[in-house]
Protein backbone atom coordinates (compact mmCIF):
# COMPACT_ATOMS: atom_id res chain seq x y z
CA MET A 1 68.28 90.94 99.89
CA ALA A 2 71.48 91.19 102.02
CA LYS A 3 72.36 95.16 102.39
CA LEU A 4 75.18 96.22 103.32
CA THR A 5 75.00 100.10 104.97
CA VAL A 6 77.86 102.44 104.23
CA LYS A 7 78.68 102.34 107.73
CA GLU A 8 79.63 98.38 107.55
CA VAL A 9 81.47 99.25 104.51
CA GLU A 10 83.49 102.16 106.41
CA HIS A 11 84.49 99.46 109.31
CA ILE A 12 85.50 96.87 106.70
CA ALA A 13 87.47 99.57 104.70
CA ARG A 14 89.13 100.31 108.34
CA LEU A 15 90.15 96.91 108.90
CA ALA A 16 91.76 96.57 105.65
CA ASN A 17 93.51 99.90 106.17
CA LEU A 18 92.08 101.34 103.43
CA SER A 19 91.12 105.44 103.03
CA LEU A 20 87.89 105.75 100.97
CA THR A 21 85.85 108.45 99.77
CA PRO A 22 82.29 109.04 100.71
CA GLN A 23 81.30 107.96 97.31
CA GLU A 24 83.77 104.98 96.98
CA ASN A 25 81.94 103.55 100.22
CA GLU A 26 78.39 104.07 98.73
CA LEU A 27 79.88 102.48 95.47
CA LEU A 28 81.48 99.63 97.36
CA ALA A 29 78.13 99.19 99.70
CA ASN A 30 75.72 98.66 96.43
CA GLN A 31 78.55 96.21 94.85
CA LEU A 32 79.19 94.15 98.06
CA SER A 33 75.53 94.12 98.41
CA ALA A 34 75.06 93.01 94.80
CA THR A 35 78.18 89.96 95.52
CA LEU A 36 76.37 88.66 98.61
CA ASP A 37 72.99 88.43 97.01
CA TYR A 38 74.82 86.58 94.60
CA VAL A 39 76.13 84.26 97.21
CA ALA A 40 72.84 83.98 98.67
CA LYS A 41 71.14 82.77 95.04
CA LEU A 42 74.02 79.85 94.61
CA GLU A 43 73.12 78.84 98.52
CA GLU A 44 69.83 77.83 97.03
CA VAL A 45 71.01 75.97 94.65
CA ASN A 46 69.56 72.18 95.13
CA THR A 47 73.16 70.72 95.59
CA GLU A 48 72.18 67.17 97.08
CA GLY A 49 73.67 63.90 95.55
CA VAL A 50 76.22 65.91 93.97
CA SER A 51 79.78 65.01 95.10
CA SER A 52 82.73 67.66 96.43
CA THR A 53 84.62 68.68 93.79
CA PHE A 54 87.98 70.00 95.34
CA GLN A 55 90.06 70.39 92.21
CA THR A 56 88.95 69.63 88.73
CA THR A 57 92.39 68.86 86.76
CA GLY A 58 92.85 65.26 88.26
CA LEU A 59 96.52 66.69 89.18
CA MET A 60 97.96 65.15 92.52
CA ASN A 61 100.45 67.22 94.63
CA VAL A 62 101.97 69.34 91.93
CA THR A 63 104.30 71.59 93.37
CA ARG A 64 108.23 73.04 92.72
CA GLU A 65 111.04 72.28 94.47
CA ASP A 66 112.11 75.36 97.42
CA GLU A 67 114.80 77.33 95.49
CA VAL A 68 116.45 80.09 97.20
CA LYS A 69 116.01 83.28 95.83
CA PRO A 70 116.89 87.24 96.69
CA SER A 71 113.89 88.70 98.70
CA LEU A 72 113.63 91.87 100.58
CA THR A 73 115.49 92.98 103.99
CA GLN A 74 113.45 92.85 106.66
CA GLU A 75 114.48 96.92 106.47
CA GLN A 76 112.78 97.05 103.08
CA ALA A 77 109.95 95.23 104.08
CA LEU A 78 108.95 97.51 106.84
CA SER A 79 110.13 100.59 104.92
CA ASN A 80 106.25 101.49 104.35
CA ALA A 81 104.64 100.38 107.68
CA ARG A 82 102.90 102.91 109.13
CA SER A 83 104.08 101.13 112.66
CA THR A 84 106.61 99.06 113.30
CA TYR A 85 107.38 97.59 116.88
CA GLY A 86 110.70 95.30 117.62
CA GLY A 87 111.08 94.66 113.93
CA TYR A 88 107.23 93.60 112.87
CA PHE A 89 104.78 95.28 111.73
CA LYS A 90 102.49 96.59 114.47
CA VAL A 91 99.06 96.26 113.74
CA GLN A 92 95.90 96.95 115.69
CA ALA A 93 93.82 94.25 117.43
CA VAL A 94 91.51 92.17 114.89
CA LEU A 95 89.86 90.08 117.54
CA GLU A 96 87.85 91.54 120.15
CA GLU A 97 87.34 89.53 123.72
């Protein structure tokens, strides 16, 4: 049984740049723990002899033609960013050395 702590949820929320209330942290700790428990149950299923299935429709290489469409300007895209640098989003380092 995987049980996430509130501190772990706070860390995940910080990485996702989410502001959560203490009540939301507690709720998510329980919900995410339940999800992890479900995944752990799925890992117990015997899949020996079952071939991998990556897609089930039988379709291959179904793509659309590329079309140029209007999009945001760089200024519009960065307008709600907490921090920018040189025309890019500036974020905290995620990977630690």
